[in-house]
Structures are given as C-alpha cells and as structure tokens.
PDB file of N, CA and C in Angstrom:
ATOM      1  N   MET A   1    -167.467-194.154 -18.300  1.00  0.00           N
ATOM      2  CA  MET A   1    -168.427-195.231 -18.204  1.00  0.00           C
ATOM      3  C   MET A   1    -168.634-195.845 -19.580  1.00  0.00           C
ATOM      4  N   ALA A   2    -168.764-197.153 -19.623  1.00  0.00           N
ATOM      5  CA  ALA A   2    -168.931-197.857 -20.881  1.00  0.00           C
ATOM      6  C   ALA A   2    -170.300-197.572 -21.495  1.00  0.00           C
ATOM      7  N   GLU A   3    -170.325-197.583 -22.809  1.00  0.00           N
ATOM      8  CA  GLU A   3    -171.571-197.349 -23.525  1.00  0.00           C
ATOM      9  C   GLU A   3    -172.503-198.554 -23.362  1.00  0.00           C
ATOM     10  N   VAL A   4    -173.742-198.278 -23.055  1.00  0.00           N
ATOM     11  CA  VAL A   4    -174.752-199.323 -22.914  1.00  0.00           C
ATOM     12  C   VAL A   4    -175.364-199.581 -24.292  1.00  0.00           C
ATOM     13  N   LYS A   5    -175.434-200.854 -24.653  1.00  0.00           N
ATOM     14  CA  LYS A   5    -176.045-201.239 -25.928  1.00  0.00           C
ATOM     15  C   LYS A   5    -177.254-202.115 -25.637  1.00  0.00           C
ATOM     16  N   VAL A   6    -178.363-201.761 -26.263  1.00  0.00           N
ATOM     17  CA  VAL A   6    -179.601-202.499 -26.064  1.00  0.00           C
ATOM     18  C   VAL A   6    -180.032-203.071 -27.415  1.00  0.00           C
ATOM     19  N   PHE A   7    -180.305-204.369 -27.414  1.00  0.00           N
ATOM     20  CA  PHE A   7    -180.762-205.066 -28.610  1.00  0.00           C
ATOM     21  C   PHE A   7    -182.111-205.711 -28.302  1.00  0.00           C
ATOM     22  N   PHE A   8    -182.922-205.831 -29.327  1.00  0.00           N
ATOM     23  CA  PHE A   8    -184.237-206.444 -29.181  1.00  0.00           C
ATOM     24  C   PHE A   8    -184.306-207.675 -30.081  1.00  0.00           C
ATOM     25  N   LYS A   9    -184.785-208.782 -29.520  1.00  0.00           N
ATOM     26  CA  LYS A   9    -185.017-209.956 -30.359  1.00  0.00           C
ATOM     27  C   LYS A   9    -186.035-209.575 -31.432  1.00  0.00           C
ATOM     28  N   PRO A  10    -185.929-210.175 -32.604  1.00  0.00           N
ATOM     29  CA  PRO A  10    -186.886-209.842 -33.675  1.00  0.00           C
ATOM     30  C   PRO A  10    -188.345-210.017 -33.251  1.00  0.00           C
ATOM     31  N   GLU A  11    -188.632-211.041 -32.429  1.00  0.00           N
ATOM     32  CA  GLU A  11    -190.006-211.254 -31.976  1.00  0.00           C
ATOM     33  C   GLU A  11    -190.494-210.091 -31.111  1.00  0.00           C
ATOM     34  N   VAL A  12    -189.590-209.501 -30.354  1.00  0.00           N
ATOM     35  CA  VAL A  12    -189.951-208.364 -29.502  1.00  0.00           C
ATOM     36  C   VAL A  12    -190.220-207.137 -30.369  1.00  0.00           C
ATOM     37  N   GLU A  13    -189.374-206.923 -31.366  1.00  0.00           N
ATOM     38  CA  GLU A  13    -189.605-205.804 -32.282  1.00  0.00           C
ATOM     39  C   GLU A  13    -190.953-205.953 -32.978  1.00  0.00           C
ATOM     40  N   HIS A  14    -191.249-207.171 -33.410  1.00  0.00           N
ATOM     41  CA  HIS A  14    -192.527-207.441 -34.067  1.00  0.00           C
ATOM     42  C   HIS A  14    -193.695-207.146 -33.106  1.00  0.00           C
ATOM     43  N   PHE A  15    -193.578-207.622 -31.884  1.00  0.00           N
ATOM     44  CA  PHE A  15    -194.615-207.381 -30.878  1.00  0.00           C
ATOM     45  C   PHE A  15    -194.849-205.883 -30.683  1.00  0.00           C
ATOM     46  N   LEU A  16    -193.788-205.117 -30.541  1.00  0.00           N
ATOM     47  CA  LEU A  16    -193.927-203.680 -30.299  1.00  0.00           C
ATOM     48  C   LEU A  16    -194.571-202.980 -31.490  1.00  0.00           C
ATOM     49  N   ASN A  17    -194.223-203.404 -32.693  1.00  0.00           N
ATOM     50  CA  ASN A  17    -194.842-202.798 -33.876  1.00  0.00           C
ATOM     51  C   ASN A  17    -196.316-203.180 -33.987  1.00  0.00           C
ATOM     52  N   GLU A  18    -196.650-204.406 -33.658  1.00  0.00           N
ATOM     53  CA  GLU A  18    -198.040-204.846 -33.669  1.00  0.00           C
ATOM     54  C   GLU A  18    -198.852-204.141 -32.574  1.00  0.00           C
ATOM     55  N   LEU A  19    -198.192-203.853 -31.468  1.00  0.00           N
ATOM     56  CA  LEU A  19    -198.850-203.174 -30.353  1.00  0.00           C
ATOM     57  C   LEU A  19    -199.469-201.851 -30.800  1.00  0.00           C
ATOM     58  N   ILE A  20    -198.785-201.137 -31.656  1.00  0.00           N
ATOM     59  CA  ILE A  20    -199.295-199.861 -32.169  1.00  0.00           C
ATOM     60  C   ILE A  20    -200.675-200.055 -32.785  1.00  0.00           C
ATOM     61  N   TYR A  21    -200.782-201.037 -33.660  1.00  0.00           N
ATOM     62  CA  TYR A  21    -202.037-201.246 -34.374  1.00  0.00           C
ATOM     63  C   TYR A  21    -203.125-201.817 -33.476  1.00  0.00           C
ATOM     64  N   ILE A  22    -202.741-202.657 -32.531  1.00  0.00           N
ATOM     65  CA  ILE A  22    -203.723-203.207 -31.593  1.00  0.00           C
ATOM     66  C   ILE A  22    -204.319-202.087 -30.743  1.00  0.00           C
ATOM     67  N   LEU A  23    -203.444-201.238 -30.202  1.00  0.00           N
ATOM     68  CA  LEU A  23    -203.920-200.141 -29.356  1.00  0.00           C
ATOM     69  C   LEU A  23    -204.829-199.190 -30.122  1.00  0.00           C
ATOM     70  N   TYR A  24    -204.477-198.935 -31.366  1.00  0.00           N
ATOM     71  CA  TYR A  24    -205.291-198.050 -32.198  1.00  0.00           C
ATOM     72  C   TYR A  24    -206.605-198.725 -32.593  1.00  0.00           C
ATOM     73  N   LYS A  25    -206.531-199.964 -33.058  1.00  0.00           N
ATOM     74  CA  LYS A  25    -207.714-200.702 -33.518  1.00  0.00           C
ATOM     75  C   LYS A  25    -208.724-200.933 -32.388  1.00  0.00           C
ATOM     76  N   GLU A  26    -208.210-201.186 -31.168  1.00  0.00           N
ATOM     77  CA  GLU A  26    -209.082-201.440 -30.019  1.00  0.00           C
ATOM     78  C   GLU A  26    -209.520-200.142 -29.325  1.00  0.00           C
ATOM     79  N   ASN A  27    -209.208-199.006 -29.952  1.00  0.00           N
ATOM     80  CA  ASN A  27    -209.626-197.682 -29.475  1.00  0.00           C
ATOM     81  C   ASN A  27    -209.033-197.280 -28.132  1.00  0.00           C
ATOM     82  N   TYR A  28    -207.839-197.790 -27.820  1.00  0.00           N
ATOM     83  CA  TYR A  28    -207.142-197.286 -26.640  1.00  0.00           C
ATOM     84  C   TYR A  28    -206.602-195.883 -26.934  1.00  0.00           C
ATOM     85  N   PHE A  29    -206.328-195.645 -28.213  1.00  0.00           N
ATOM     86  CA  PHE A  29    -205.886-194.326 -28.667  1.00  0.00           C
ATOM     87  C   PHE A  29    -206.707-193.924 -29.883  1.00  0.00           C
ATOM     88  N   SER A  30    -207.103-192.660 -29.929  1.00  0.00           N
ATOM     89  CA  SER A  30    -207.914-192.160 -31.041  1.00  0.00           C
ATOM     90  C   SER A  30    -207.089-191.898 -32.292  1.00  0.00           C
ATOM     91  N   TYR A  31    -205.809-191.645 -32.082  1.00  0.00           N
ATOM     92  CA  TYR A  31    -204.929-191.328 -33.203  1.00  0.00           C
ATOM     93  C   TYR A  31    -203.767-192.306 -33.234  1.00  0.00           C
ATOM     94  N   LEU A  32    -203.423-192.737 -34.416  1.00  0.00           N
ATOM     95  CA  LEU A  32    -202.318-193.667 -34.595  1.00  0.00           C
ATOM     96  C   LEU A  32    -201.021-193.087 -34.028  1.00  0.00           C
ATOM     97  N   GLU A  33    -200.835-191.791 -34.177  1.00  0.00           N
ATOM     98  CA  GLU A  33    -199.626-191.137 -33.675  1.00  0.00           C
ATOM     99  C   GLU A  33    -199.481-191.299 -32.160  1.00  0.00           C
ATOM    100  N   ASN A  34    -200.597-191.293 -31.439  1.00  0.00           N
ATOM    101  CA  ASN A  34    -200.541-191.472 -29.987  1.00  0.00           C
ATOM    102  C   ASN A  34    -200.133-192.890 -29.619  1.00  0.00           C
ATOM    103  N   ALA A  35    -200.588-193.863 -30.375  1.00  0.00           N
ATOM    104  CA  ALA A  35    -200.179-195.253 -30.142  1.00  0.00           C
ATOM    105  C   ALA A  35    -198.690-195.419 -30.426  1.00  0.00           C
ATOM    106  N   ILE A  36    -198.204-194.742 -31.449  1.00  0.00           N
ATOM    107  CA  ILE A  36    -196.770-194.783 -31.759  1.00  0.00           C
ATOM    108  C   ILE A  36    -195.974-194.154 -30.617  1.00  0.00           C
ATOM    109  N   ASP A  37    -196.446-193.020 -30.108  1.00  0.00           N
ATOM    110  CA  ASP A  37    -195.773-192.360 -28.977  1.00  0.00           C
ATOM    111  C   ASP A  37    -195.734-193.269 -27.752  1.00  0.00           C
ATOM    112  N   TYR A  38    -196.812-193.977 -27.503  1.00  0.00           N
ATOM    113  CA  TYR A  38    -196.882-194.902 -26.361  1.00  0.00           C
ATOM    114  C   TYR A  38    -195.809-195.982 -26.504  1.00  0.00           C
ATOM    115  N   LYS A  39    -195.721-196.581 -27.680  1.00  0.00           N
ATOM    116  CA  LYS A  39    -194.700-197.600 -27.947  1.00  0.00           C
ATOM    117  C   LYS A  39    -193.301-197.005 -27.795  1.00  0.00           C
ATOM    118  N   ASP A  40    -193.100-195.800 -28.307  1.00  0.00           N
ATOM    119  CA  ASP A  40    -191.791-195.141 -28.200  1.00  0.00           C
ATOM    120  C   ASP A  40    -191.402-194.880 -26.747  1.00  0.00           C
ATOM    121  N   LYS A  41    -192.379-194.561 -25.904  1.00  0.00           N
ATOM    122  CA  LYS A  41    -192.082-194.334 -24.482  1.00  0.00           C
ATOM    123  C   LYS A  41    -191.620-195.618 -23.800  1.00  0.00           C
ATOM    124  N   ILE A  42    -192.192-196.745 -24.199  1.00  0.00           N
ATOM    125  CA  ILE A  42    -191.738-198.029 -23.659  1.00  0.00           C
ATOM    126  C   ILE A  42    -190.286-198.267 -24.057  1.00  0.00           C
ATOM    127  N   ILE A  43    -189.986-198.065 -25.313  1.00  0.00           N
ATOM    128  CA  ILE A  43    -188.611-198.269 -25.807  1.00  0.00           C
ATOM    129  C   ILE A  43    -187.648-197.292 -25.141  1.00  0.00           C
ATOM    130  N   ASP A  44    -188.050-196.033 -25.039  1.00  0.00           N
ATOM    131  CA  ASP A  44    -187.187-195.033 -24.387  1.00  0.00           C
ATOM    132  C   ASP A  44    -186.894-195.420 -22.947  1.00  0.00           C
ATOM    133  N   PHE A  45    -187.923-195.868 -22.225  1.00  0.00           N
ATOM    134  CA  PHE A  45    -187.711-196.289 -20.847  1.00  0.00           C
ATOM    135  C   PHE A  45    -186.675-197.408 -20.789  1.00  0.00           C
ATOM    136  N   ILE A  46    -186.825-198.393 -21.644  1.00  0.00           N
ATOM    137  CA  ILE A  46    -185.887-199.520 -21.662  1.00  0.00           C
ATOM    138  C   ILE A  46    -184.472-199.034 -21.929  1.00  0.00           C
ATOM    139  N   GLU A  47    -184.307-198.287 -22.997  1.00  0.00           N
ATOM    140  CA  GLU A  47    -182.961-197.857 -23.402  1.00  0.00           C
ATOM    141  C   GLU A  47    -182.313-196.934 -22.370  1.00  0.00           C
ATOM    142  N   GLU A  48    -183.099-196.120 -21.708  1.00  0.00           N
ATOM    143  CA  GLU A  48    -182.552-195.165 -20.742  1.00  0.00           C
ATOM    144  C   GLU A  48    -182.342-195.754 -19.349  1.00  0.00           C
ATOM    145  N   ASN A  49    -183.041-196.841 -19.022  1.00  0.00           N
ATOM    146  CA  ASN A  49    -183.029-197.330 -17.645  1.00  0.00           C
ATOM    147  C   ASN A  49    -182.540-198.756 -17.439  1.00  0.00           C
ATOM    148  N   ILE A  50    -182.381-199.522 -18.494  1.00  0.00           N
ATOM    149  CA  ILE A  50    -182.069-200.943 -18.334  1.00  0.00           C
ATOM    150  C   ILE A  50    -180.785-201.172 -17.534  1.00  0.00           C
ATOM    151  N   SER A  51    -179.828-200.296 -17.660  1.00  0.00           N
ATOM    152  CA  SER A  51    -178.536-200.520 -16.989  1.00  0.00           C
ATOM    153  C   SER A  51    -178.521-200.079 -15.529  1.00  0.00           C
ATOM    154  N   ASN A  52    -179.503-199.279 -15.106  1.00  0.00           N
ATOM    155  CA  ASN A  52    -179.459-198.802 -13.726  1.00  0.00           C
ATOM    156  C   ASN A  52    -180.747-199.032 -12.932  1.00  0.00           C
ATOM    157  N   PHE A  53    -181.794-199.489 -13.603  1.00  0.00           N
ATOM    158  CA  PHE A  53    -183.051-199.773 -12.913  1.00  0.00           C
ATOM    159  C   PHE A  53    -182.888-201.092 -12.163  1.00  0.00           C
ATOM    160  N   PRO A  54    -183.324-201.171 -10.920  1.00  0.00           N
ATOM    161  CA  PRO A  54    -183.165-202.436 -10.181  1.00  0.00           C
ATOM    162  C   PRO A  54    -183.968-203.555 -10.857  1.00  0.00           C
ATOM    163  N   TYR A  55    -183.267-204.595 -11.224  1.00  0.00           N
ATOM    164  CA  TYR A  55    -183.938-205.712 -11.890  1.00  0.00           C
ATOM    165  C   TYR A  55    -184.301-206.783 -10.876  1.00  0.00           C
ATOM    166  N   LYS A  56    -185.169-207.682 -11.313  1.00  0.00           N
ATOM    167  CA  LYS A  56    -185.546-208.845 -10.505  1.00  0.00           C
ATOM    168  C   LYS A  56    -185.184-210.090 -11.292  1.00  0.00           C
ATOM    169  N   ASN A  57    -184.887-211.164 -10.565  1.00  0.00           N
ATOM    170  CA  ASN A  57    -184.655-212.436 -11.226  1.00  0.00           C
ATOM    171  C   ASN A  57    -186.005-213.028 -11.614  1.00  0.00           C
ATOM    172  N   THR A  58    -186.061-213.568 -12.786  1.00  0.00           N
ATOM    173  CA  THR A  58    -187.299-214.141 -13.299  1.00  0.00           C
ATOM    174  C   THR A  58    -187.661-215.406 -12.524  1.00  0.00           C
ATOM    175  N   PRO A  59    -188.922-215.544 -12.129  1.00  0.00           N
ATOM    176  CA  PRO A  59    -189.351-216.779 -11.455  1.00  0.00           C
ATOM    177  C   PRO A  59    -189.138-217.988 -12.372  1.00  0.00           C
ATOM    178  N   LEU A  60    -188.829-219.092 -11.785  1.00  0.00           N
ATOM    179  CA  LEU A  60    -188.505-220.303 -12.535  1.00  0.00           C
ATOM    180  C   LEU A  60    -189.532-220.667 -13.603  1.00  0.00           C
ATOM    181  N   PRO A  61    -190.850-220.589 -13.349  1.00  0.00           N
ATOM    182  CA  PRO A  61    -191.810-220.954 -14.402  1.00  0.00           C
ATOM    183  C   PRO A  61    -191.716-220.084 -15.662  1.00  0.00           C
ATOM    184  N   LEU A  62    -191.122-218.906 -15.552  1.00  0.00           N
ATOM    185  CA  LEU A  62    -191.017-217.982 -16.687  1.00  0.00           C
ATOM    186  C   LEU A  62    -189.589-217.794 -17.167  1.00  0.00           C
ATOM    187  N   TYR A  63    -188.676-218.582 -16.651  1.00  0.00           N
ATOM    188  CA  TYR A  63    -187.249-218.382 -16.915  1.00  0.00           C
ATOM    189  C   TYR A  63    -186.920-218.415 -18.409  1.00  0.00           C
ATOM    190  N   SER A  64    -187.703-219.151 -19.185  1.00  0.00           N
ATOM    191  CA  SER A  64    -187.432-219.234 -20.625  1.00  0.00           C
ATOM    192  C   SER A  64    -187.654-217.894 -21.331  1.00  0.00           C
ATOM    193  N   LEU A  65    -188.331-216.966 -20.677  1.00  0.00           N
ATOM    194  CA  LEU A  65    -188.562-215.644 -21.260  1.00  0.00           C
ATOM    195  C   LEU A  65    -187.355-214.731 -21.120  1.00  0.00           C
ATOM    196  N   GLY A  66    -186.480-215.039 -20.189  1.00  0.00           N
ATOM    197  CA  GLY A  66    -185.301-214.227 -19.894  1.00  0.00           C
ATOM    198  C   GLY A  66    -184.991-214.371 -18.425  1.00  0.00           C
ATOM    199  N   SER A  67    -183.732-214.287 -18.067  1.00  0.00           N
ATOM    200  CA  SER A  67    -183.353-214.560 -16.677  1.00  0.00           C
ATOM    201  C   SER A  67    -183.614-213.398 -15.724  1.00  0.00           C
ATOM    202  N   LYS A  68    -183.805-212.197 -16.270  1.00  0.00           N
ATOM    203  CA  LYS A  68    -184.043-211.012 -15.441  1.00  0.00           C
ATOM    204  C   LYS A  68    -185.184-210.213 -16.041  1.00  0.00           C
ATOM    205  N   PHE A  69    -185.793-209.357 -15.214  1.00  0.00           N
ATOM    206  CA  PHE A  69    -186.810-208.453 -15.752  1.00  0.00           C
ATOM    207  C   PHE A  69    -186.850-207.165 -14.951  1.00  0.00           C
ATOM    208  N   ILE A  70    -187.313-206.139 -15.631  1.00  0.00           N
ATOM    209  CA  ILE A  70    -187.623-204.857 -15.008  1.00  0.00           C
ATOM    210  C   ILE A  70    -189.079-204.551 -15.361  1.00  0.00           C
ATOM    211  N   PHE A  71    -189.632-203.569 -14.723  1.00  0.00           N
ATOM    212  CA  PHE A  71    -191.012-203.205 -15.036  1.00  0.00           C
ATOM    213  C   PHE A  71    -191.111-201.708 -15.285  1.00  0.00           C
ATOM    214  N   TYR A  72    -192.119-201.356 -16.058  1.00  0.00           N
ATOM    215  CA  TYR A  72    -192.384-199.971 -16.416  1.00  0.00           C
ATOM    216  C   TYR A  72    -193.886-199.727 -16.259  1.00  0.00           C
ATOM    217  N   ASN A  73    -194.240-198.792 -15.408  1.00  0.00           N
ATOM    218  CA  ASN A  73    -195.643-198.407 -15.220  1.00  0.00           C
ATOM    219  C   ASN A  73    -195.974-197.316 -16.231  1.00  0.00           C
ATOM    220  N   SER A  74    -196.662-197.699 -17.281  1.00  0.00           N
ATOM    221  CA  SER A  74    -196.980-196.719 -18.324  1.00  0.00           C
ATOM    222  C   SER A  74    -198.151-195.826 -17.930  1.00  0.00           C
ATOM    223  N   ASN A  75    -199.014-196.349 -17.049  1.00  0.00           N
ATOM    224  CA  ASN A  75    -200.123-195.564 -16.514  1.00  0.00           C
ATOM    225  C   ASN A  75    -200.642-196.289 -15.272  1.00  0.00           C
ATOM    226  N   SER A  76    -201.713-195.816 -14.709  1.00  0.00           N
ATOM    227  CA  SER A  76    -202.203-196.406 -13.455  1.00  0.00           C
ATOM    228  C   SER A  76    -202.778-197.813 -13.638  1.00  0.00           C
ATOM    229  N   ARG A  77    -203.071-198.206 -14.868  1.00  0.00           N
ATOM    230  CA  ARG A  77    -203.662-199.515 -15.117  1.00  0.00           C
ATOM    231  C   ARG A  77    -202.702-200.535 -15.721  1.00  0.00           C
ATOM    232  N   THR A  78    -201.617-200.085 -16.306  1.00  0.00           N
ATOM    233  CA  THR A  78    -200.763-201.005 -17.059  1.00  0.00           C
ATOM    234  C   THR A  78    -199.322-200.943 -16.612  1.00  0.00           C
ATOM    235  N   THR A  79    -198.798-202.109 -16.278  1.00  0.00           N
ATOM    236  CA  THR A  79    -197.384-202.291 -15.973  1.00  0.00           C
ATOM    237  C   THR A  79    -196.803-203.205 -17.041  1.00  0.00           C
ATOM    238  N   TRP A  80    -195.706-202.788 -17.635  1.00  0.00           N
ATOM    239  CA  TRP A  80    -195.012-203.586 -18.638  1.00  0.00           C
ATOM    240  C   TRP A  80    -193.843-204.298 -17.982  1.00  0.00           C
ATOM    241  N   TYR A  81    -193.686-205.565 -18.312  1.00  0.00           N
ATOM    242  CA  TYR A  81    -192.580-206.375 -17.813  1.00  0.00           C
ATOM    243  C   TYR A  81    -191.630-206.641 -18.973  1.00  0.00           C
ATOM    244  N   VAL A  82    -190.377-206.282 -18.775  1.00  0.00           N
ATOM    245  CA  VAL A  82    -189.365-206.382 -19.821  1.00  0.00           C
ATOM    246  C   VAL A  82    -188.328-207.412 -19.382  1.00  0.00           C
ATOM    247  N   PHE A  83    -188.291-208.524 -20.079  1.00  0.00           N
ATOM    248  CA  PHE A  83    -187.353-209.604 -19.768  1.00  0.00           C
ATOM    249  C   PHE A  83    -186.099-209.427 -20.609  1.00  0.00           C
ATOM    250  N   PHE A  84    -184.962-209.798 -20.007  1.00  0.00           N
ATOM    251  CA  PHE A  84    -183.717-209.576 -20.737  1.00  0.00           C
ATOM    252  C   PHE A  84    -182.602-210.486 -20.237  1.00  0.00           C
ATOM    253  N   GLU A  85    -181.545-210.492 -21.039  1.00  0.00           N
ATOM    254  CA  GLU A  85    -180.271-211.103 -20.689  1.00  0.00           C
ATOM    255  C   GLU A  85    -179.235-210.007 -20.848  1.00  0.00           C
ATOM    256  N   ASN A  86    -178.172-210.097 -20.084  1.00  0.00           N
ATOM    257  CA  ASN A  86    -177.121-209.109 -20.281  1.00  0.00           C
ATOM    258  C   ASN A  86    -175.749-209.694 -20.000  1.00  0.00           C
ATOM    259  N   GLU A  87    -174.797-209.079 -20.645  1.00  0.00           N
ATOM    260  CA  GLU A  87    -173.393-209.382 -20.417  1.00  0.00           C
ATOM    261  C   GLU A  87    -172.662-208.057 -20.517  1.00  0.00           C
ATOM    262  N   ASP A  88    -171.950-207.745 -19.461  1.00  0.00           N
ATOM    263  CA  ASP A  88    -171.274-206.452 -19.361  1.00  0.00           C
ATOM    264  C   ASP A  88    -172.295-205.336 -19.599  1.00  0.00           C
ATOM    265  N   HIS A  89    -172.094-204.522 -20.616  1.00  0.00           N
ATOM    266  CA  HIS A  89    -172.983-203.385 -20.867  1.00  0.00           C
ATOM    267  C   HIS A  89    -173.851-203.610 -22.102  1.00  0.00           C
ATOM    268  N   GLN A  90    -174.062-204.872 -22.429  1.00  0.00           N
ATOM    269  CA  GLN A  90    -174.924-205.214 -23.554  1.00  0.00           C
ATOM    270  C   GLN A  90    -176.162-205.950 -23.028  1.00  0.00           C
ATOM    271  N   TYR A  91    -177.320-205.523 -23.500  1.00  0.00           N
ATOM    272  CA  TYR A  91    -178.596-206.059 -23.031  1.00  0.00           C
ATOM    273  C   TYR A  91    -179.407-206.553 -24.227  1.00  0.00           C
ATOM    274  N   LEU A  92    -179.921-207.756 -24.081  1.00  0.00           N
ATOM    275  CA  LEU A  92    -180.791-208.322 -25.106  1.00  0.00           C
ATOM    276  C   LEU A  92    -182.194-208.434 -24.514  1.00  0.00           C
ATOM    277  N   ILE A  93    -183.129-207.685 -25.089  1.00  0.00           N
ATOM    278  CA  ILE A  93    -184.518-207.745 -24.648  1.00  0.00           C
ATOM    279  C   ILE A  93    -185.131-208.979 -25.299  1.00  0.00           C
ATOM    280  N   THR A  94    -185.579-209.906 -24.461  1.00  0.00           N
ATOM    281  CA  THR A  94    -186.025-211.202 -24.954  1.00  0.00           C
ATOM    282  C   THR A  94    -187.543-211.363 -24.991  1.00  0.00           C
ATOM    283  N   TYR A  95    -188.252-210.562 -24.198  1.00  0.00           N
ATOM    284  CA  TYR A  95    -189.717-210.703 -24.152  1.00  0.00           C
ATOM    285  C   TYR A  95    -190.302-209.486 -23.440  1.00  0.00           C
ATOM    286  N   ILE A  96    -191.484-209.094 -23.870  1.00  0.00           N
ATOM    287  CA  ILE A  96    -192.208-208.003 -23.207  1.00  0.00           C
ATOM    288  C   ILE A  96    -193.667-208.423 -23.080  1.00  0.00           C
ATOM    289  N   THR A  97    -194.224-208.176 -21.904  1.00  0.00           N
ATOM    290  CA  THR A  97    -195.641-208.435 -21.673  1.00  0.00           C
ATOM    291  C   THR A  97    -196.144-207.426 -20.656  1.00  0.00           C
ATOM    292  N   ASN A  98    -197.438-207.493 -20.353  1.00  0.00           N
ATOM    293  CA  ASN A  98    -197.967-206.559 -19.360  1.00  0.00           C
ATOM    294  C   ASN A  98    -198.819-207.278 -18.324  1.00  0.00           C
ATOM    295  N   ASN A  99    -199.299-206.524 -17.374  1.00  0.00           N
ATOM    296  CA  ASN A  99    -200.049-207.098 -16.253  1.00  0.00           C
ATOM    297  C   ASN A  99    -201.426-207.614 -16.648  1.00  0.00           C
ATOM    298  N   HIS A 100    -201.837-207.432 -17.888  1.00  0.00           N
ATOM    299  CA  HIS A 100    -203.135-207.908 -18.346  1.00  0.00           C
ATOM    300  C   HIS A 100    -203.057-209.322 -18.921  1.00  0.00           C
ATOM    301  N   THR A 101    -201.929-209.983 -18.778  1.00  0.00           N
ATOM    302  CA  THR A 101    -201.749-211.333 -19.306  1.00  0.00           C
ATOM    303  C   THR A 101    -201.707-212.347 -18.165  1.00  0.00           C
ATOM    304  N   GLU A 102    -201.874-213.598 -18.512  1.00  0.00           N
ATOM    305  CA  GLU A 102    -201.880-214.686 -17.522  1.00  0.00           C
ATOM    306  C   GLU A 102    -200.549-214.796 -16.785  1.00  0.00           C
ATOM    307  N   ILE A 103    -199.443-214.584 -17.485  1.00  0.00           N
ATOM    308  CA  ILE A 103    -198.148-214.799 -16.833  1.00  0.00           C
ATOM    309  C   ILE A 103    -197.843-213.751 -15.772  1.00  0.00           C
ATOM    310  N   ALA A 104    -198.568-212.648 -15.792  1.00  0.00           N
ATOM    311  CA  ALA A 104    -198.336-211.591 -14.793  1.00  0.00           C
ATOM    312  C   ALA A 104    -198.564-212.069 -13.375  1.00  0.00           C
ATOM    313  N   LYS A 105    -199.338-213.124 -13.204  1.00  0.00           N
ATOM    314  CA  LYS A 105    -199.586-213.619 -11.846  1.00  0.00           C
ATOM    315  C   LYS A 105    -198.310-214.126 -11.179  1.00  0.00           C
ATOM    316  N   PHE A 106    -197.272-214.417 -11.974  1.00  0.00           N
ATOM    317  CA  PHE A 106    -195.996-214.867 -11.429  1.00  0.00           C
ATOM    318  C   PHE A 106    -195.065-213.710 -11.087  1.00  0.00           C
ATOM    319  N   LEU A 107    -195.452-212.497 -11.466  1.00  0.00           N
ATOM    320  CA  LEU A 107    -194.545-211.340 -11.364  1.00  0.00           C
ATOM    321  C   LEU A 107    -195.069-210.315 -10.382  1.00  0.00           C
ATOM    322  N   LYS A 108    -194.122-209.660  -9.734  1.00  0.00           N
ATOM    323  CA  LYS A 108    -194.454-208.558  -8.843  1.00  0.00           C
ATOM    324  C   LYS A 108    -193.507-207.414  -9.151  1.00  0.00           C
ATOM    325  N   PRO A 109    -194.071-206.232  -9.394  1.00  0.00           N
ATOM    326  CA  PRO A 109    -193.188-205.076  -9.670  1.00  0.00           C
ATOM    327  C   PRO A 109    -192.349-204.694  -8.469  1.00  0.00           C
TER     328      PRO A 109
END
C-alpha cells in the first residue's frame, strides 16, 4: 500500500497552534499540557484516518474551504470538521473548524 502523506496549509498550522492558547486561556483546560494533548489528538486523528475515513463532499457555500471534509468528535460537545483536497495518497488540509461556529450549520457529521 502506498504511503499516505498529509500536509497542512500554513493557516491551518497557525490555527492549531493558537487553539492551544485559546483553550488554556479560556479555561477549557487547567494545564497547558492538556491543551497541547487535545490539539495533538486532532492531528493524530487526521493523520491516521484521512485516507480511510468516509469523507463528505463540501456543500457549495463552503466549497472554498476545501472540496471534501471529514469530522472528528473530540468529546460529546465538540465536533471538528477537517476540510481537505487530495490527489492519490497525498492530502492537503485546507481548513479546520468546529460545530461552535456559524459555518457548522451547513455541515452534518
């Protein structure tokens, strides 16, 4: 089987790094290390599942975010939506958001 390669747009990397500090600053996590672990679990899910998790086609109003998306339920309250493009076994993560945003109304896990 071909090796799967996952790349993240710089804006996505920036978002994920900022997420750590937001989660910690807003007291979602008491320790910075826990916020880092949370972010790492999102990345691990993407890297381990992007090639075999059933994806959905992105609704037309959100198509500029990426043509496909998968979702990750990090807990009972939060679902992460991961938008991407792919060619063969290479995946480019183009955008990440969660169900607490306005655009989530266009998405269904």
